PDB file of N, CA and C in Angstrom:
ATOM      1  N   MET A   1     105.194 152.108  43.359  1.00  0.00           N
ATOM      2  CA  MET A   1     106.314 152.864  43.959  1.00  0.00           C
ATOM      3  C   MET A   1     106.212 153.781  42.811  1.00  0.00           C
ATOM      4  N   ARG A   2     105.923 154.407  41.781  1.00  0.00           N
ATOM      5  CA  ARG A   2     106.110 155.864  41.093  1.00  0.00           C
ATOM      6  C   ARG A   2     104.651 156.505  41.507  1.00  0.00           C
ATOM      7  N   LYS A   3     103.688 156.350  42.428  1.00  0.00           N
ATOM      8  CA  LYS A   3     102.493 156.791  43.029  1.00  0.00           C
ATOM      9  C   LYS A   3     103.508 157.392  44.290  1.00  0.00           C
ATOM     10  N   SER A   4     103.759 157.028  45.480  1.00  0.00           N
ATOM     11  CA  SER A   4     104.824 157.434  45.824  1.00  0.00           C
ATOM     12  C   SER A   4     105.311 158.493  45.824  1.00  0.00           C
ATOM     13  N   THR A   5     106.341 158.450  44.930  1.00  0.00           N
ATOM     14  CA  THR A   5     107.436 159.374  44.533  1.00  0.00           C
ATOM     15  C   THR A   5     106.950 160.475  43.706  1.00  0.00           C
ATOM     16  N   ILE A   6     105.238 160.370  43.199  1.00  0.00           N
ATOM     17  CA  ILE A   6     104.541 161.779  42.395  1.00  0.00           C
ATOM     18  C   ILE A   6     104.116 162.273  43.933  1.00  0.00           C
ATOM     19  N   ALA A   7     103.074 161.315  44.824  1.00  0.00           N
ATOM     20  CA  ALA A   7     102.926 161.628  46.106  1.00  0.00           C
ATOM     21  C   ALA A   7     103.657 163.182  46.840  1.00  0.00           C
ATOM     22  N   LYS A   8     105.011 162.144  46.937  1.00  0.00           N
ATOM     23  CA  LYS A   8     105.931 162.824  47.489  1.00  0.00           C
ATOM     24  C   LYS A   8     106.475 163.970  47.313  1.00  0.00           C
ATOM     25  N   SER A   9     106.481 164.460  45.865  1.00  0.00           N
ATOM     26  CA  SER A   9     106.936 165.331  45.032  1.00  0.00           C
ATOM     27  C   SER A   9     105.704 166.523  45.250  1.00  0.00           C
ATOM     28  N   ILE A  10     104.580 165.767  45.041  1.00  0.00           N
ATOM     29  CA  ILE A  10     103.393 167.060  44.877  1.00  0.00           C
ATOM     30  C   ILE A  10     103.780 167.843  46.886  1.00  0.00           C
ATOM     31  N   SER A  11     103.519 166.722  47.465  1.00  0.00           N
ATOM     32  CA  SER A  11     103.405 166.973  48.939  1.00  0.00           C
ATOM     33  C   SER A  11     104.124 168.154  49.350  1.00  0.00           C
ATOM     34  N   ILE A  12     105.610 167.699  49.071  1.00  0.00           N
ATOM     35  CA  ILE A  12     107.167 169.165  49.090  1.00  0.00           C
ATOM     36  C   ILE A  12     106.705 169.815  48.250  1.00  0.00           C
ATOM     37  N   ALA A  13     106.129 170.085  47.256  1.00  0.00           N
ATOM     38  CA  ALA A  13     105.825 171.257  46.247  1.00  0.00           C
ATOM     39  C   ALA A  13     104.429 172.395  47.265  1.00  0.00           C
ATOM     40  N   ALA A  14     103.665 171.609  47.921  1.00  0.00           N
ATOM     41  CA  ALA A  14     102.720 172.286  48.287  1.00  0.00           C
ATOM     42  C   ALA A  14     103.046 172.428  50.001  1.00  0.00           C
ATOM     43  N   LEU A  15     104.012 171.763  50.702  1.00  0.00           N
ATOM     44  CA  LEU A  15     104.693 172.499  51.498  1.00  0.00           C
ATOM     45  C   LEU A  15     105.127 173.616  51.336  1.00  0.00           C
ATOM     46  N   GLY A  16     106.300 173.547  50.204  1.00  0.00           N
ATOM     47  CA  GLY A  16     106.875 175.131  49.693  1.00  0.00           C
ATOM     48  C   GLY A  16     106.118 176.264  49.206  1.00  0.00           C
ATOM     49  N   ALA A  17     104.754 175.914  48.655  1.00  0.00           N
ATOM     50  CA  ALA A  17     104.147 177.026  48.625  1.00  0.00           C
ATOM     51  C   ALA A  17     103.583 177.610  49.721  1.00  0.00           C
ATOM     52  N   LEU A  18     103.104 176.537  50.414  1.00  0.00           N
ATOM     53  CA  LEU A  18     102.447 176.852  51.756  1.00  0.00           C
ATOM     54  C   LEU A  18     103.211 177.759  52.408  1.00  0.00           C
ATOM     55  N   THR A  19     104.982 177.584  52.697  1.00  0.00           N
ATOM     56  CA  THR A  19     105.857 178.555  53.285  1.00  0.00           C
ATOM     57  C   THR A  19     105.825 179.727  52.553  1.00  0.00           C
ATOM     58  N   ALA A  20     105.774 179.535  50.952  1.00  0.00           N
ATOM     59  CA  ALA A  20     106.098 180.764  50.791  1.00  0.00           C
ATOM     60  C   ALA A  20     104.917 181.844  50.429  1.00  0.00           C
ATOM     61  N   LEU A  21     103.887 181.508  50.854  1.00  0.00           N
ATOM     62  CA  LEU A  21     102.418 182.039  51.487  1.00  0.00           C
ATOM     63  C   LEU A  21     102.475 182.462  52.570  1.00  0.00           C
ATOM     64  N   ALA A  22     102.950 181.787  53.422  1.00  0.00           N
ATOM     65  CA  ALA A  22     103.111 182.475  55.140  1.00  0.00           C
ATOM     66  C   ALA A  22     103.801 183.766  55.367  1.00  0.00           C
ATOM     67  N   SER A  23     104.824 183.188  53.974  1.00  0.00           N
ATOM     68  CA  SER A  23     106.448 184.146  54.827  1.00  0.00           C
ATOM     69  C   SER A  23     105.677 185.705  54.079  1.00  0.00           C
ATOM     70  N   GLY A  24     104.963 185.701  52.731  1.00  0.00           N
ATOM     71  CA  GLY A  24     105.213 186.608  52.146  1.00  0.00           C
ATOM     72  C   GLY A  24     105.766 187.431  51.758  1.00  0.00           C
ATOM     73  N   CYS A  25     105.787 188.819  51.904  1.00  0.00           N
ATOM     74  CA  CYS A  25     106.993 189.882  51.813  1.00  0.00           C
ATOM     75  C   CYS A  25     107.546 190.139  53.137  1.00  0.00           C
ATOM     76  N   ALA A  26     107.972 189.360  53.966  1.00  0.00           N
ATOM     77  CA  ALA A  26     108.439 189.802  55.294  1.00  0.00           C
ATOM     78  C   ALA A  26     109.741 189.798  55.067  1.00  0.00           C
ATOM     79  N   ALA A  27     110.086 190.882  54.918  1.00  0.00           N
ATOM     80  CA  ALA A  27     111.670 191.312  54.805  1.00  0.00           C
ATOM     81  C   ALA A  27     111.664 192.287  56.175  1.00  0.00           C
ATOM     82  N   THR A  28     112.699 192.143  56.808  1.00  0.00           N
ATOM     83  CA  THR A  28     113.160 193.040  57.919  1.00  0.00           C
ATOM     84  C   THR A  28     113.713 194.082  57.650  1.00  0.00           C
ATOM     85  N   ASP A  29     113.058 194.918  58.279  1.00  0.00           N
ATOM     86  CA  ASP A  29     113.746 196.822  58.041  1.00  0.00           C
ATOM     87  C   ASP A  29     115.116 196.863  58.405  1.00  0.00           C
ATOM     88  N   PRO A  30     116.228 197.062  57.210  1.00  0.00           N
ATOM     89  CA  PRO A  30     117.779 197.758  57.885  1.00  0.00           C
ATOM     90  C   PRO A  30     117.725 198.610  58.829  1.00  0.00           C
ATOM     91  N   SER A  31     117.128 199.587  59.082  1.00  0.00           N
ATOM     92  CA  SER A  31     116.988 200.618  59.840  1.00  0.00           C
ATOM     93  C   SER A  31     116.102 200.779  60.555  1.00  0.00           C
ATOM     94  N   PRO A  32     115.571 200.170  61.387  1.00  0.00           N
ATOM     95  CA  PRO A  32     114.160 200.605  62.522  1.00  0.00           C
ATOM     96  C   PRO A  32     114.253 201.985  62.603  1.00  0.00           C
ATOM     97  N   SER A  33     115.479 202.312  63.423  1.00  0.00           N
ATOM     98  CA  SER A  33     115.385 203.332  63.932  1.00  0.00           C
ATOM     99  C   SER A  33     115.406 204.811  62.999  1.00  0.00           C
ATOM    100  N   MET A  34     115.552 204.644  61.676  1.00  0.00           N
ATOM    101  CA  MET A  34     115.351 205.225  61.022  1.00  0.00           C
ATOM    102  C   MET A  34     113.554 206.170  60.534  1.00  0.00           C
ATOM    103  N   THR A  35     113.103 205.003  60.952  1.00  0.00           N
ATOM    104  CA  THR A  35     111.476 205.218  60.310  1.00  0.00           C
ATOM    105  C   THR A  35     110.951 206.371  60.841  1.00  0.00           C
ATOM    106  N   SER A  36     111.240 206.912  62.260  1.00  0.00           N
ATOM    107  CA  SER A  36     110.713 208.160  63.236  1.00  0.00           C
ATOM    108  C   SER A  36     111.686 209.418  62.925  1.00  0.00           C
ATOM    109  N   LEU A  37     112.985 209.692  62.632  1.00  0.00           N
ATOM    110  CA  LEU A  37     113.683 210.535  62.361  1.00  0.00           C
ATOM    111  C   LEU A  37     112.917 211.708  62.189  1.00  0.00           C
ATOM    112  N   GLY A  38     111.696 211.996  61.506  1.00  0.00           N
ATOM    113  CA  GLY A  38     111.388 213.053  60.893  1.00  0.00           C
ATOM    114  C   GLY A  38     110.216 213.433  62.310  1.00  0.00           C
ATOM    115  N   ARG A  39     109.920 212.972  63.415  1.00  0.00           N
ATOM    116  CA  ARG A  39     108.717 213.267  64.310  1.00  0.00           C
ATOM    117  C   ARG A  39     109.548 212.555  65.629  1.00  0.00           C
ATOM    118  N   SER A  40     108.781 213.823  66.529  1.00  0.00           N
ATOM    119  CA  SER A  40     109.489 212.887  67.900  1.00  0.00           C
ATOM    120  C   SER A  40     108.328 212.008  68.179  1.00  0.00           C
ATOM    121  N   ASP A  41     108.657 211.839  69.795  1.00  0.00           N
ATOM    122  CA  ASP A  41     108.244 210.051  70.244  1.00  0.00           C
ATOM    123  C   ASP A  41     106.571 211.281  71.063  1.00  0.00           C
ATOM    124  N   SER A  42     106.697 212.360  71.195  1.00  0.00           N
ATOM    125  CA  SER A  42     105.320 212.689  71.417  1.00  0.00           C
ATOM    126  C   SER A  42     104.423 212.959  70.311  1.00  0.00           C
ATOM    127  N   GLU A  43     104.573 213.269  69.366  1.00  0.00           N
ATOM    128  CA  GLU A  43     103.994 213.165  67.706  1.00  0.00           C
ATOM    129  C   GLU A  43     103.684 212.360  67.095  1.00  0.00           C
ATOM    130  N   LEU A  44     104.315 210.777  67.281  1.00  0.00           N
ATOM    131  CA  LEU A  44     103.936 209.673  67.107  1.00  0.00           C
ATOM    132  C   LEU A  44     103.241 209.484  67.939  1.00  0.00           C
ATOM    133  N   ALA A  45     103.174 208.953  69.155  1.00  0.00           N
ATOM    134  CA  ALA A  45     102.046 208.902  70.412  1.00  0.00           C
ATOM    135  C   ALA A  45     101.064 209.723  69.944  1.00  0.00           C
ATOM    136  N   ARG A  46     100.914 210.700  69.728  1.00  0.00           N
ATOM    137  CA  ARG A  46      99.594 212.095  69.439  1.00  0.00           C
ATOM    138  C   ARG A  46      98.561 211.101  68.122  1.00  0.00           C
ATOM    139  N   THR A  47      99.450 210.711  66.846  1.00  0.00           N
ATOM    140  CA  THR A  47      98.957 210.237  65.983  1.00  0.00           C
ATOM    141  C   THR A  47      98.517 208.679  65.762  1.00  0.00           C
ATOM    142  N   TYR A  48      99.393 207.939  66.885  1.00  0.00           N
ATOM    143  CA  TYR A  48      98.702 206.772  67.414  1.00  0.00           C
ATOM    144  C   TYR A  48      97.212 206.758  68.434  1.00  0.00           C
ATOM    145  N   THR A  49      97.126 208.060  69.167  1.00  0.00           N
ATOM    146  CA  THR A  49      95.927 208.011  69.857  1.00  0.00           C
ATOM    147  C   THR A  49      94.497 208.472  68.802  1.00  0.00           C
ATOM    148  N   ILE A  50      94.890 209.521  67.910  1.00  0.00           N
ATOM    149  CA  ILE A  50      94.067 209.956  67.010  1.00  0.00           C
ATOM    150  C   ILE A  50      93.629 208.600  66.008  1.00  0.00           C
ATOM    151  N   ALA A  51      94.413 207.976  65.614  1.00  0.00           N
ATOM    152  CA  ALA A  51      94.155 206.886  65.036  1.00  0.00           C
ATOM    153  C   ALA A  51      93.133 205.971  65.927  1.00  0.00           C
ATOM    154  N   SER A  52      93.619 205.770  67.161  1.00  0.00           N
ATOM    155  CA  SER A  52      92.980 204.506  67.819  1.00  0.00           C
ATOM    156  C   SER A  52      91.522 205.045  68.194  1.00  0.00           C
ATOM    157  N   ASP A  53      91.704 207.027  68.413  1.00  0.00           N
ATOM    158  CA  ASP A  53      90.395 207.120  68.104  1.00  0.00           C
ATOM    159  C   ASP A  53      89.281 207.423  67.753  1.00  0.00           C
ATOM    160  N   GLU A  54      89.720 207.316  66.176  1.00  0.00           N
ATOM    161  CA  GLU A  54      88.536 207.496  65.337  1.00  0.00           C
ATOM    162  C   GLU A  54      88.827 205.767  65.120  1.00  0.00           C
ATOM    163  N   ASN A  55      89.067 204.795  65.265  1.00  0.00           N
ATOM    164  CA  ASN A  55      88.866 203.333  65.339  1.00  0.00           C
ATOM    165  C   ASN A  55      87.940 203.191  65.671  1.00  0.00           C
ATOM    166  N   ILE A  56      87.817 203.363  67.262  1.00  0.00           N
ATOM    167  CA  ILE A  56      87.033 202.984  68.190  1.00  0.00           C
ATOM    168  C   ILE A  56      85.635 203.965  67.803  1.00  0.00           C
ATOM    169  N   ARG A  57      85.769 205.131  67.639  1.00  0.00           N
ATOM    170  CA  ARG A  57      84.372 205.865  67.275  1.00  0.00           C
ATOM    171  C   ARG A  57      83.900 205.039  65.862  1.00  0.00           C
ATOM    172  N   GLN A  58      84.474 204.832  65.097  1.00  0.00           N
ATOM    173  CA  GLN A  58      84.025 204.072  64.024  1.00  0.00           C
ATOM    174  C   GLN A  58      83.295 202.957  64.140  1.00  0.00           C
ATOM    175  N   ILE A  59      83.886 202.004  64.975  1.00  0.00           N
ATOM    176  CA  ILE A  59      83.255 200.543  65.412  1.00  0.00           C
ATOM    177  C   ILE A  59      81.995 201.023  66.198  1.00  0.00           C
ATOM    178  N   ILE A  60      81.795 202.038  67.021  1.00  0.00           N
ATOM    179  CA  ILE A  60      80.980 202.481  67.450  1.00  0.00           C
ATOM    180  C   ILE A  60      79.672 202.597  66.707  1.00  0.00           C
ATOM    181  N   ASP A  61      79.872 203.666  65.703  1.00  0.00           N
ATOM    182  CA  ASP A  61      79.024 203.707  64.878  1.00  0.00           C
ATOM    183  C   ASP A  61      78.971 202.985  63.803  1.00  0.00           C
ATOM    184  N   ASP A  62      79.457 201.710  63.545  1.00  0.00           N
ATOM    185  CA  ASP A  62      78.891 200.650  63.088  1.00  0.00           C
ATOM    186  C   ASP A  62      78.018 199.584  63.913  1.00  0.00           C
ATOM    187  N   LEU A  63      78.138 199.567  64.844  1.00  0.00           N
ATOM    188  CA  LEU A  63      77.254 198.584  65.974  1.00  0.00           C
ATOM    189  C   LEU A  63      75.873 199.558  66.076  1.00  0.00           C
ATOM    190  N   ASP A  64      76.129 200.668  66.107  1.00  0.00           N
ATOM    191  CA  ASP A  64      74.938 201.249  66.328  1.00  0.00           C
ATOM    192  C   ASP A  64      73.933 200.966  64.995  1.00  0.00           C
ATOM    193  N   ARG A  65      74.817 200.930  63.572  1.00  0.00           N
ATOM    194  CA  ARG A  65      73.962 200.730  62.956  1.00  0.00           C
ATOM    195  C   ARG A  65      73.516 199.539  62.495  1.00  0.00           C
ATOM    196  N   ALA A  66      74.475 198.874  62.801  1.00  0.00           N
ATOM    197  CA  ALA A  66      73.787 196.883  62.928  1.00  0.00           C
ATOM    198  C   ALA A  66      72.478 196.657  64.000  1.00  0.00           C
ATOM    199  N   PHE A  67      72.936 197.860  64.962  1.00  0.00           N
ATOM    200  CA  PHE A  67      71.511 197.151  65.825  1.00  0.00           C
ATOM    201  C   PHE A  67      70.617 198.100  65.772  1.00  0.00           C
ATOM    202  N   TYR A  68      70.586 199.483  64.646  1.00  0.00           N
ATOM    203  CA  TYR A  68      69.408 199.848  64.865  1.00  0.00           C
ATOM    204  C   TYR A  68      69.593 200.990  65.863  1.00  0.00           C
ATOM    205  N   THR A  69      70.174 201.826  66.578  1.00  0.00           N
ATOM    206  CA  THR A  69      70.333 202.487  67.803  1.00  0.00           C
ATOM    207  C   THR A  69      70.200 203.601  67.225  1.00  0.00           C
ATOM    208  N   ASP A  70      70.857 204.118  65.684  1.00  0.00           N
ATOM    209  CA  ASP A  70      71.368 205.334  65.325  1.00  0.00           C
ATOM    210  C   ASP A  70      69.794 206.069  65.066  1.00  0.00           C
ATOM    211  N   ARG A  71      68.863 205.818  64.832  1.00  0.00           N
ATOM    212  CA  ARG A  71      67.963 206.303  64.644  1.00  0.00           C
ATOM    213  C   ARG A  71      66.686 205.853  66.125  1.00  0.00           C
ATOM    214  N   PRO A  72      65.631 207.406  65.917  1.00  0.00           N
ATOM    215  CA  PRO A  72      64.529 207.171  66.657  1.00  0.00           C
ATOM    216  C   PRO A  72      63.621 206.389  66.617  1.00  0.00           C
ATOM    217  N   SER A  73      63.208 205.619  67.824  1.00  0.00           N
ATOM    218  CA  SER A  73      62.123 204.080  67.601  1.00  0.00           C
ATOM    219  C   SER A  73      60.907 204.829  67.053  1.00  0.00           C
ATOM    220  N   ARG A  74      60.343 203.975  66.108  1.00  0.00           N
ATOM    221  CA  ARG A  74      58.752 204.308  65.507  1.00  0.00           C
ATOM    222  C   ARG A  74      57.967 203.523  66.278  1.00  0.00           C
ATOM    223  N   LEU A  75      58.066 203.258  67.818  1.00  0.00           N
ATOM    224  CA  LEU A  75      56.655 202.811  68.648  1.00  0.00           C
ATOM    225  C   LEU A  75      56.788 204.264  69.268  1.00  0.00           C
ATOM    226  N   SER A  76      56.988 205.392  69.547  1.00  0.00           N
ATOM    227  CA  SER A  76      56.536 206.625  70.088  1.00  0.00           C
ATOM    228  C   SER A  76      55.270 207.036  69.242  1.00  0.00           C
ATOM    229  N   PRO A  77      54.445 207.283  70.475  1.00  0.00           N
ATOM    230  CA  PRO A  77      53.113 207.960  69.496  1.00  0.00           C
ATOM    231  C   PRO A  77      53.448 209.020  69.313  1.00  0.00           C
ATOM    232  N   MET A  78      54.450 210.170  69.317  1.00  0.00           N
ATOM    233  CA  MET A  78      54.416 211.377  69.324  1.00  0.00           C
ATOM    234  C   MET A  78      55.799 211.589  67.897  1.00  0.00           C
ATOM    235  N   ALA A  79      55.308 212.763  67.140  1.00  0.00           N
ATOM    236  CA  ALA A  79      56.862 212.385  66.340  1.00  0.00           C
ATOM    237  C   ALA A  79      57.879 213.235  66.682  1.00  0.00           C
ATOM    238  N   ILE A  80      58.882 212.554  66.458  1.00  0.00           N
ATOM    239  CA  ILE A  80      60.455 212.488  66.437  1.00  0.00           C
ATOM    240  C   ILE A  80      60.982 212.440  65.023  1.00  0.00           C
ATOM    241  N   PRO A  81      61.418 214.228  65.147  1.00  0.00           N
ATOM    242  CA  PRO A  81      62.272 214.401  64.167  1.00  0.00           C
ATOM    243  C   PRO A  81      63.648 213.752  64.061  1.00  0.00           C
ATOM    244  N   HIS A  82      64.245 213.483  63.097  1.00  0.00           N
ATOM    245  CA  HIS A  82      65.639 212.832  63.442  1.00  0.00           C
ATOM    246  C   HIS A  82      66.581 213.588  62.165  1.00  0.00           C
TER     247      HIS A  82
END
């Protein structure tokens, strides 16, 4: 009987810890409309576009390095400067 209460207490504590970890610091913003008062919609869209383009470029660069397509082939009989 004592083991079941200890197991129940441990499971409740684990569930509470898991809930705390899952929620983290998820606090809602009290004024979401205040976040972009300094910039217009077009400036925000431009910033988002620049960030997206940069991320895509970096992903392509990483894939080039992973598949060794960022350097010339060593199988060519002629010297290829890089």
